[in-house]
Amino acid sequence: MQSTTALCSAVLSLAVLTAGAAAEHRPDADIKSAIEDSYTFKNNLAGDGVKVAVRDGVVTLSGTVSEPYHRTLAAETAEAQHGVKSVDDP
């Protein structure tokens, strides 16, 4: 009984770890679309010229904003998307 419990526990742990690792990967195009289609980008940043590029989960924001806080808003919105590893806002 003890060995069965240990085996089940090991299998369950492996399944959880594998599922977590698989869930982390998201195609760059999907990340870019999610950012650009977000409520914040479509409404709060619609008049700004923020451009989004994604490579290997790293988001690069460029362009112009009409208000200084829009830069922070754009970066925070990008960071919140699933699959984003980091945001570069030069």
PDB file of N, CA and C in Angstrom:
ATOM      1  N   MET A   1       0.821  -1.200   0.000  1.00  0.00           N
ATOM      2  CA  MET A   1       0.000   0.000   0.000  1.00  0.00           C
ATOM      3  C   MET A   1       0.861   1.259   0.000  1.00  0.00           C
ATOM      4  N   GLN A   2       1.931   1.232   0.793  1.00  0.00           N
ATOM      5  CA  GLN A   2       2.801   2.396   0.879  1.00  0.00           C
ATOM      6  C   GLN A   2       3.467   2.683  -0.465  1.00  0.00           C
ATOM      7  N   SER A   3       3.892   1.634  -1.167  1.00  0.00           N
ATOM      8  CA  SER A   3       4.551   1.833  -2.461  1.00  0.00           C
ATOM      9  C   SER A   3       3.564   2.340  -3.503  1.00  0.00           C
ATOM     10  N   THR A   4       2.312   1.909  -3.426  1.00  0.00           N
ATOM     11  CA  THR A   4       1.288   2.395  -4.352  1.00  0.00           C
ATOM     12  C   THR A   4       1.027   3.879  -4.116  1.00  0.00           C
ATOM     13  N   THR A   5       0.950   4.285  -2.880  1.00  0.00           N
ATOM     14  CA  THR A   5       0.737   5.690  -2.539  1.00  0.00           C
ATOM     15  C   THR A   5       1.910   6.544  -3.006  1.00  0.00           C
ATOM     16  N   ALA A   6       3.114   6.056  -2.801  1.00  0.00           N
ATOM     17  CA  ALA A   6       4.304   6.793  -3.234  1.00  0.00           C
ATOM     18  C   ALA A   6       4.346   6.916  -4.749  1.00  0.00           C
ATOM     19  N   LEU A   7       3.988   5.832  -5.453  1.00  0.00           N
ATOM     20  CA  LEU A   7       3.981   5.857  -6.918  1.00  0.00           C
ATOM     21  C   LEU A   7       2.933   6.837  -7.429  1.00  0.00           C
ATOM     22  N   CYS A   8       1.744   6.794  -6.861  1.00  0.00           N
ATOM     23  CA  CYS A   8       0.683   7.725  -7.272  1.00  0.00           C
ATOM     24  C   CYS A   8       1.097   9.169  -7.016  1.00  0.00           C
ATOM     25  N   SER A   9       1.717   9.404  -5.888  1.00  0.00           N
ATOM     26  CA  SER A   9       2.182  10.748  -5.554  1.00  0.00           C
ATOM     27  C   SER A   9       3.234  11.230  -6.545  1.00  0.00           C
ATOM     28  N   ALA A  10       4.157  10.351  -6.911  1.00  0.00           N
ATOM     29  CA  ALA A  10       5.202  10.715  -7.871  1.00  0.00           C
ATOM     30  C   ALA A  10       4.613  11.013  -9.245  1.00  0.00           C
ATOM     31  N   VAL A  11       3.666  10.184  -9.688  1.00  0.00           N
ATOM     32  CA  VAL A  11       3.033  10.389 -10.995  1.00  0.00           C
ATOM     33  C   VAL A  11       2.250  11.695 -11.002  1.00  0.00           C
ATOM     34  N   LEU A  12       1.519  11.958  -9.942  1.00  0.00           N
ATOM     35  CA  LEU A  12       0.746  13.198  -9.848  1.00  0.00           C
ATOM     36  C   LEU A  12       1.659  14.417  -9.849  1.00  0.00           C
ATOM     37  N   SER A  13       2.751  14.352  -9.123  1.00  0.00           N
ATOM     38  CA  SER A  13       3.710  15.465  -9.094  1.00  0.00           C
ATOM     39  C   SER A  13       4.292  15.727 -10.470  1.00  0.00           C
ATOM     40  N   LEU A  14       4.646  14.668 -11.176  1.00  0.00           N
ATOM     41  CA  LEU A  14       5.193  14.808 -12.522  1.00  0.00           C
ATOM     42  C   LEU A  14       4.163  15.419 -13.466  1.00  0.00           C
ATOM     43  N   ALA A  15       2.914  14.999 -13.345  1.00  0.00           N
ATOM     44  CA  ALA A  15       1.859  15.538 -14.202  1.00  0.00           C
ATOM     45  C   ALA A  15       1.663  17.029 -13.959  1.00  0.00           C
ATOM     46  N   VAL A  16       1.681  17.434 -12.711  1.00  0.00           N
ATOM     47  CA  VAL A  16       1.509  18.853 -12.375  1.00  0.00           C
ATOM     48  C   VAL A  16       2.675  19.675 -12.903  1.00  0.00           C
ATOM     49  N   LEU A  17       3.894  19.193 -12.729  1.00  0.00           N
ATOM     50  CA  LEU A  17       5.074  19.916 -13.217  1.00  0.00           C
ATOM     51  C   LEU A  17       5.078  20.013 -14.733  1.00  0.00           C
ATOM     52  N   THR A  18       4.711  18.935 -15.413  1.00  0.00           N
ATOM     53  CA  THR A  18       4.679  18.933 -16.875  1.00  0.00           C
ATOM     54  C   THR A  18       3.608  19.885 -17.383  1.00  0.00           C
ATOM     55  N   ALA A  19       2.449  19.879 -16.759  1.00  0.00           N
ATOM     56  CA  ALA A  19       1.371  20.775 -17.179  1.00  0.00           C
ATOM     57  C   ALA A  19       1.774  22.226 -16.985  1.00  0.00           C
ATOM     58  N   GLY A  20       2.452  22.537 -15.894  1.00  0.00           N
ATOM     59  CA  GLY A  20       2.901  23.906 -15.640  1.00  0.00           C
ATOM     60  C   GLY A  20       3.897  24.370 -16.671  1.00  0.00           C
ATOM     61  N   ALA A  21       4.828  23.514 -17.036  1.00  0.00           N
ATOM     62  CA  ALA A  21       5.836  23.873 -18.040  1.00  0.00           C
ATOM     63  C   ALA A  21       5.199  24.064 -19.400  1.00  0.00           C
ATOM     64  N   ALA A  22       4.248  23.214 -19.746  1.00  0.00           N
ATOM     65  CA  ALA A  22       3.585  23.333 -21.042  1.00  0.00           C
ATOM     66  C   ALA A  22       2.738  24.595 -21.107  1.00  0.00           C
ATOM     67  N   ALA A  23       2.137  24.969 -19.992  1.00  0.00           N
ATOM     68  CA  ALA A  23       1.281  26.146 -19.969  1.00  0.00           C
ATOM     69  C   ALA A  23       2.078  27.435 -20.119  1.00  0.00           C
ATOM     70  N   GLU A  24       3.357  27.420 -19.790  1.00  0.00           N
ATOM     71  CA  GLU A  24       4.179  28.619 -19.874  1.00  0.00           C
ATOM     72  C   GLU A  24       4.439  29.051 -21.314  1.00  0.00           C
ATOM     73  N   HIS A  25       4.524  28.095 -22.226  1.00  0.00           N
ATOM     74  CA  HIS A  25       4.848  28.435 -23.608  1.00  0.00           C
ATOM     75  C   HIS A  25       3.611  28.966 -24.328  1.00  0.00           C
ATOM     76  N   ARG A  26       3.780  30.088 -24.978  1.00  0.00           N
ATOM     77  CA  ARG A  26       2.714  30.678 -25.781  1.00  0.00           C
ATOM     78  C   ARG A  26       3.381  31.304 -26.993  1.00  0.00           C
ATOM     79  N   PRO A  27       2.872  31.037 -28.176  1.00  0.00           N
ATOM     80  CA  PRO A  27       3.492  31.601 -29.383  1.00  0.00           C
ATOM     81  C   PRO A  27       3.559  33.132 -29.329  1.00  0.00           C
ATOM     82  N   ASP A  28       4.641  33.669 -29.870  1.00  0.00           N
ATOM     83  CA  ASP A  28       4.845  35.120 -29.876  1.00  0.00           C
ATOM     84  C   ASP A  28       3.685  35.863 -30.530  1.00  0.00           C
ATOM     85  N   ALA A  29       3.171  35.320 -31.622  1.00  0.00           N
ATOM     86  CA  ALA A  29       2.059  35.975 -32.325  1.00  0.00           C
ATOM     87  C   ALA A  29       0.820  36.066 -31.439  1.00  0.00           C
ATOM     88  N   ASP A  30       0.577  35.035 -30.630  1.00  0.00           N
ATOM     89  CA  ASP A  30      -0.566  35.054 -29.713  1.00  0.00           C
ATOM     90  C   ASP A  30      -0.378  36.106 -28.620  1.00  0.00           C
ATOM     91  N   ILE A  31       0.838  36.212 -28.120  1.00  0.00           N
ATOM     92  CA  ILE A  31       1.132  37.219 -27.091  1.00  0.00           C
ATOM     93  C   ILE A  31       0.915  38.616 -27.661  1.00  0.00           C
ATOM     94  N   LYS A  32       1.446  38.858 -28.855  1.00  0.00           N
ATOM     95  CA  LYS A  32       1.308  40.173 -29.493  1.00  0.00           C
ATOM     96  C   LYS A  32      -0.165  40.520 -29.700  1.00  0.00           C
ATOM     97  N   SER A  33      -0.935  39.567 -30.208  1.00  0.00           N
ATOM     98  CA  SER A  33      -2.364  39.804 -30.429  1.00  0.00           C
ATOM     99  C   SER A  33      -3.089  40.093 -29.125  1.00  0.00           C
ATOM    100  N   ALA A  34      -2.754  39.342 -28.080  1.00  0.00           N
ATOM    101  CA  ALA A  34      -3.412  39.546 -26.789  1.00  0.00           C
ATOM    102  C   ALA A  34      -3.150  40.945 -26.248  1.00  0.00           C
ATOM    103  N   ILE A  35      -1.926  41.419 -26.419  1.00  0.00           N
ATOM    104  CA  ILE A  35      -1.584  42.766 -25.944  1.00  0.00           C
ATOM    105  C   ILE A  35      -2.338  43.812 -26.759  1.00  0.00           C
ATOM    106  N   GLU A  36      -2.242  43.710 -28.074  1.00  0.00           N
ATOM    107  CA  GLU A  36      -2.877  44.703 -28.948  1.00  0.00           C
ATOM    108  C   GLU A  36      -4.399  44.675 -28.863  1.00  0.00           C
ATOM    109  N   ASP A  37      -4.974  43.507 -28.560  1.00  0.00           N
ATOM    110  CA  ASP A  37      -6.429  43.382 -28.463  1.00  0.00           C
ATOM    111  C   ASP A  37      -6.957  43.614 -27.049  1.00  0.00           C
ATOM    112  N   SER A  38      -6.064  43.899 -26.111  1.00  0.00           N
ATOM    113  CA  SER A  38      -6.489  44.118 -24.728  1.00  0.00           C
ATOM    114  C   SER A  38      -7.350  45.378 -24.625  1.00  0.00           C
ATOM    115  N   TYR A  39      -8.183  45.401 -23.602  1.00  0.00           N
ATOM    116  CA  TYR A  39      -9.040  46.560 -23.356  1.00  0.00           C
ATOM    117  C   TYR A  39      -8.206  47.832 -23.240  1.00  0.00           C
ATOM    118  N   THR A  40      -7.107  47.747 -22.517  1.00  0.00           N
ATOM    119  CA  THR A  40      -6.258  48.920 -22.290  1.00  0.00           C
ATOM    120  C   THR A  40      -5.712  49.475 -23.591  1.00  0.00           C
ATOM    121  N   PHE A  41      -5.198  48.604 -24.456  1.00  0.00           N
ATOM    122  CA  PHE A  41      -4.635  49.081 -25.718  1.00  0.00           C
ATOM    123  C   PHE A  41      -5.722  49.622 -26.637  1.00  0.00           C
ATOM    124  N   LYS A  42      -6.883  48.979 -26.666  1.00  0.00           N
ATOM    125  CA  LYS A  42      -7.955  49.407 -27.569  1.00  0.00           C
ATOM    126  C   LYS A  42      -8.649  50.680 -27.096  1.00  0.00           C
ATOM    127  N   ASN A  43      -8.629  50.930 -25.799  1.00  0.00           N
ATOM    128  CA  ASN A  43      -9.349  52.091 -25.275  1.00  0.00           C
ATOM    129  C   ASN A  43      -8.433  53.187 -24.736  1.00  0.00           C
ATOM    130  N   ASN A  44      -7.612  52.868 -23.763  1.00  0.00           N
ATOM    131  CA  ASN A  44      -6.778  53.890 -23.127  1.00  0.00           C
ATOM    132  C   ASN A  44      -5.597  54.329 -23.980  1.00  0.00           C
ATOM    133  N   LEU A  45      -5.080  53.436 -24.815  1.00  0.00           N
ATOM    134  CA  LEU A  45      -3.891  53.757 -25.612  1.00  0.00           C
ATOM    135  C   LEU A  45      -4.195  53.846 -27.107  1.00  0.00           C
ATOM    136  N   ALA A  46      -5.466  53.894 -27.454  1.00  0.00           N
ATOM    137  CA  ALA A  46      -5.877  53.862 -28.862  1.00  0.00           C
ATOM    138  C   ALA A  46      -5.303  55.021 -29.673  1.00  0.00           C
ATOM    139  N   GLY A  47      -5.193  56.189 -29.089  1.00  0.00           N
ATOM    140  CA  GLY A  47      -4.690  57.350 -29.813  1.00  0.00           C
ATOM    141  C   GLY A  47      -3.177  57.468 -29.827  1.00  0.00           C
ATOM    142  N   ASP A  48      -2.514  56.608 -29.088  1.00  0.00           N
ATOM    143  CA  ASP A  48      -1.054  56.649 -29.013  1.00  0.00           C
ATOM    144  C   ASP A  48      -0.445  55.787 -30.117  1.00  0.00           C
ATOM    145  N   GLY A  49       0.822  55.978 -30.341  1.00  0.00           N
ATOM    146  CA  GLY A  49       1.518  55.211 -31.371  1.00  0.00           C
ATOM    147  C   GLY A  49       2.393  54.121 -30.788  1.00  0.00           C
ATOM    148  N   VAL A  50       1.833  53.319 -29.879  1.00  0.00           N
ATOM    149  CA  VAL A  50       2.615  52.251 -29.251  1.00  0.00           C
ATOM    150  C   VAL A  50       2.672  51.052 -30.192  1.00  0.00           C
ATOM    151  N   LYS A  51       3.890  50.600 -30.458  1.00  0.00           N
ATOM    152  CA  LYS A  51       4.099  49.424 -31.301  1.00  0.00           C
ATOM    153  C   LYS A  51       4.579  48.282 -30.414  1.00  0.00           C
ATOM    154  N   VAL A  52       4.123  47.070 -30.751  1.00  0.00           N
ATOM    155  CA  VAL A  52       4.444  45.885 -29.964  1.00  0.00           C
ATOM    156  C   VAL A  52       5.193  44.889 -30.837  1.00  0.00           C
ATOM    157  N   ALA A  53       6.316  44.407 -30.337  1.00  0.00           N
ATOM    158  CA  ALA A  53       7.064  43.327 -30.987  1.00  0.00           C
ATOM    159  C   ALA A  53       7.346  42.270 -29.923  1.00  0.00           C
ATOM    160  N   VAL A  54       7.282  41.000 -30.319  1.00  0.00           N
ATOM    161  CA  VAL A  54       7.525  39.916 -29.368  1.00  0.00           C
ATOM    162  C   VAL A  54       8.482  38.909 -29.994  1.00  0.00           C
ATOM    163  N   ARG A  55       9.497  38.535 -29.235  1.00  0.00           N
ATOM    164  CA  ARG A  55      10.442  37.513 -29.686  1.00  0.00           C
ATOM    165  C   ARG A  55      10.808  36.630 -28.494  1.00  0.00           C
ATOM    166  N   ASP A  56      10.507  35.358 -28.634  1.00  0.00           N
ATOM    167  CA  ASP A  56      10.781  34.384 -27.567  1.00  0.00           C
ATOM    168  C   ASP A  56      10.177  34.804 -26.230  1.00  0.00           C
ATOM    169  N   GLY A  57       8.982  35.378 -26.270  1.00  0.00           N
ATOM    170  CA  GLY A  57       8.291  35.783 -25.051  1.00  0.00           C
ATOM    171  C   GLY A  57       8.719  37.116 -24.480  1.00  0.00           C
ATOM    172  N   VAL A  58       9.704  37.752 -25.108  1.00  0.00           N
ATOM    173  CA  VAL A  58      10.173  39.065 -24.649  1.00  0.00           C
ATOM    174  C   VAL A  58       9.474  40.137 -25.478  1.00  0.00           C
ATOM    175  N   VAL A  59       8.737  41.006 -24.813  1.00  0.00           N
ATOM    176  CA  VAL A  59       7.977  42.061 -25.483  1.00  0.00           C
ATOM    177  C   VAL A  59       8.819  43.325 -25.547  1.00  0.00           C
ATOM    178  N   THR A  60       8.877  43.929 -26.737  1.00  0.00           N
ATOM    179  CA  THR A  60       9.534  45.224 -26.904  1.00  0.00           C
ATOM    180  C   THR A  60       8.467  46.231 -27.308  1.00  0.00           C
ATOM    181  N   LEU A  61       8.357  47.296 -26.527  1.00  0.00           N
ATOM    182  CA  LEU A  61       7.413  48.373 -26.821  1.00  0.00           C
ATOM    183  C   LEU A  61       8.187  49.550 -27.386  1.00  0.00           C
ATOM    184  N   SER A  62       7.634  50.161 -28.419  1.00  0.00           N
ATOM    185  CA  SER A  62       8.267  51.341 -29.008  1.00  0.00           C
ATOM    186  C   SER A  62       7.172  52.287 -29.476  1.00  0.00           C
ATOM    187  N   GLY A  63       7.579  53.450 -29.945  1.00  0.00           N
ATOM    188  CA  GLY A  63       6.620  54.430 -30.430  1.00  0.00           C
ATOM    189  C   GLY A  63       6.458  55.590 -29.471  1.00  0.00           C
ATOM    190  N   THR A  64       5.307  56.236 -29.570  1.00  0.00           N
ATOM    191  CA  THR A  64       5.054  57.431 -28.765  1.00  0.00           C
ATOM    192  C   THR A  64       3.765  57.289 -27.961  1.00  0.00           C
ATOM    193  N   VAL A  65       3.684  58.057 -26.878  1.00  0.00           N
ATOM    194  CA  VAL A  65       2.472  58.110 -26.061  1.00  0.00           C
ATOM    195  C   VAL A  65       2.097  59.566 -25.836  1.00  0.00           C
ATOM    196  N   SER A  66       0.810  59.801 -25.645  1.00  0.00           N
ATOM    197  CA  SER A  66       0.331  61.174 -25.467  1.00  0.00           C
ATOM    198  C   SER A  66       0.492  61.670 -24.033  1.00  0.00           C
ATOM    199  N   GLU A  67       0.565  60.753 -23.091  1.00  0.00           N
ATOM    200  CA  GLU A  67       0.718  61.092 -21.676  1.00  0.00           C
ATOM    201  C   GLU A  67       1.833  60.233 -21.089  1.00  0.00           C
ATOM    202  N   PRO A  68       2.655  60.782 -20.202  1.00  0.00           N
ATOM    203  CA  PRO A  68       3.751  59.997 -19.622  1.00  0.00           C
ATOM    204  C   PRO A  68       3.302  58.693 -18.944  1.00  0.00           C
ATOM    205  N   TYR A  69       2.160  58.714 -18.264  1.00  0.00           N
ATOM    206  CA  TYR A  69       1.708  57.507 -17.568  1.00  0.00           C
ATOM    207  C   TYR A  69       1.253  56.416 -18.532  1.00  0.00           C
ATOM    208  N   HIS A  70       0.994  56.769 -19.791  1.00  0.00           N
ATOM    209  CA  HIS A  70       0.604  55.765 -20.784  1.00  0.00           C
ATOM    210  C   HIS A  70       1.739  54.775 -21.047  1.00  0.00           C
ATOM    211  N   ARG A  71       2.960  55.247 -20.896  1.00  0.00           N
ATOM    212  CA  ARG A  71       4.118  54.358 -21.077  1.00  0.00           C
ATOM    213  C   ARG A  71       4.089  53.247 -20.018  1.00  0.00           C
ATOM    214  N   THR A  72       3.849  53.631 -18.779  1.00  0.00           N
ATOM    215  CA  THR A  72       3.749  52.655 -17.690  1.00  0.00           C
ATOM    216  C   THR A  72       2.556  51.738 -17.898  1.00  0.00           C
ATOM    217  N   LEU A  73       1.449  52.307 -18.315  1.00  0.00           N
ATOM    218  CA  LEU A  73       0.235  51.537 -18.565  1.00  0.00           C
ATOM    219  C   LEU A  73       0.466  50.482 -19.647  1.00  0.00           C
ATOM    220  N   ALA A  74       1.151  50.862 -20.715  1.00  0.00           N
ATOM    221  CA  ALA A  74       1.448  49.921 -21.801  1.00  0.00           C
ATOM    222  C   ALA A  74       2.341  48.785 -21.305  1.00  0.00           C
ATOM    223  N   ALA A  75       3.367  49.123 -20.543  1.00  0.00           N
ATOM    224  CA  ALA A  75       4.295  48.109 -20.028  1.00  0.00           C
ATOM    225  C   ALA A  75       3.597  47.160 -19.058  1.00  0.00           C
ATOM    226  N   GLU A  76       2.774  47.694 -18.171  1.00  0.00           N
ATOM    227  CA  GLU A  76       2.065  46.854 -17.207  1.00  0.00           C
ATOM    228  C   GLU A  76       1.054  45.946 -17.895  1.00  0.00           C
ATOM    229  N   THR A  77       0.415  46.446 -18.938  1.00  0.00           N
ATOM    230  CA  THR A  77      -0.540  45.637 -19.694  1.00  0.00           C
ATOM    231  C   THR A  77       0.174  44.489 -20.392  1.00  0.00           C
ATOM    232  N   ALA A  78       1.316  44.779 -20.987  1.00  0.00           N
ATOM    233  CA  ALA A  78       2.089  43.733 -21.662  1.00  0.00           C
ATOM    234  C   ALA A  78       2.581  42.697 -20.654  1.00  0.00           C
ATOM    235  N   GLU A  79       3.103  43.151 -19.527  1.00  0.00           N
ATOM    236  CA  GLU A  79       3.619  42.256 -18.483  1.00  0.00           C
ATOM    237  C   GLU A  79       2.561  41.301 -17.957  1.00  0.00           C
ATOM    238  N   ALA A  80       1.319  41.739 -17.941  1.00  0.00           N
ATOM    239  CA  ALA A  80       0.230  40.942 -17.379  1.00  0.00           C
ATOM    240  C   ALA A  80      -0.213  39.799 -18.289  1.00  0.00           C
ATOM    241  N   GLN A  81       0.221  39.806 -19.534  1.00  0.00           N
ATOM    242  CA  GLN A  81      -0.211  38.768 -20.471  1.00  0.00           C
ATOM    243  C   GLN A  81       0.493  37.447 -20.198  1.00  0.00           C
ATOM    244  N   HIS A  82      -0.263  36.379 -20.299  1.00  0.00           N
ATOM    245  CA  HIS A  82       0.272  35.030 -20.105  1.00  0.00           C
ATOM    246  C   HIS A  82       1.345  34.735 -21.148  1.00  0.00           C
ATOM    247  N   GLY A  83       2.466  34.222 -20.715  1.00  0.00           N
ATOM    248  CA  GLY A  83       3.539  33.845 -21.631  1.00  0.00           C
ATOM    249  C   GLY A  83       4.627  34.885 -21.793  1.00  0.00           C
ATOM    250  N   VAL A  84       4.421  36.080 -21.245  1.00  0.00           N
ATOM    251  CA  VAL A  84       5.428  37.143 -21.354  1.00  0.00           C
ATOM    252  C   VAL A  84       6.530  36.898 -20.326  1.00  0.00           C
ATOM    253  N   LYS A  85       7.766  36.840 -20.818  1.00  0.00           N
ATOM    254  CA  LYS A  85       8.920  36.632 -19.934  1.00  0.00           C
ATOM    255  C   LYS A  85       9.421  37.952 -19.370  1.00  0.00           C
ATOM    256  N   SER A  86       9.459  38.982 -20.215  1.00  0.00           N
ATOM    257  CA  SER A  86       9.887  40.305 -19.769  1.00  0.00           C
ATOM    258  C   SER A  86       9.411  41.338 -20.777  1.00  0.00           C
ATOM    259  N   VAL A  87       9.467  42.599 -20.369  1.00  0.00           N
ATOM    260  CA  VAL A  87       9.063  43.710 -21.234  1.00  0.00           C
ATOM    261  C   VAL A  87      10.217  44.686 -21.325  1.00  0.00           C
ATOM    262  N   ASP A  88      10.596  45.006 -22.546  1.00  0.00           N
ATOM    263  CA  ASP A  88      11.653  45.982 -22.810  1.00  0.00           C
ATOM    264  C   ASP A  88      10.981  47.240 -23.334  1.00  0.00           C
ATOM    265  N   ASP A  89      11.127  48.315 -22.607  1.00  0.00           N
ATOM    266  CA  ASP A  89      10.503  49.586 -22.972  1.00  0.00           C
ATOM    267  C   ASP A  89      11.590  50.653 -23.007  1.00  0.00           C
ATOM    268  N   PRO A  90      12.341  50.674 -24.123  1.00  0.00           N
ATOM    269  CA  PRO A  90      13.506  51.587 -24.189  1.00  0.00           C
ATOM    270  C   PRO A  90      13.146  53.056 -24.113  1.00  0.00           C
TER     271      PRO A  90
END
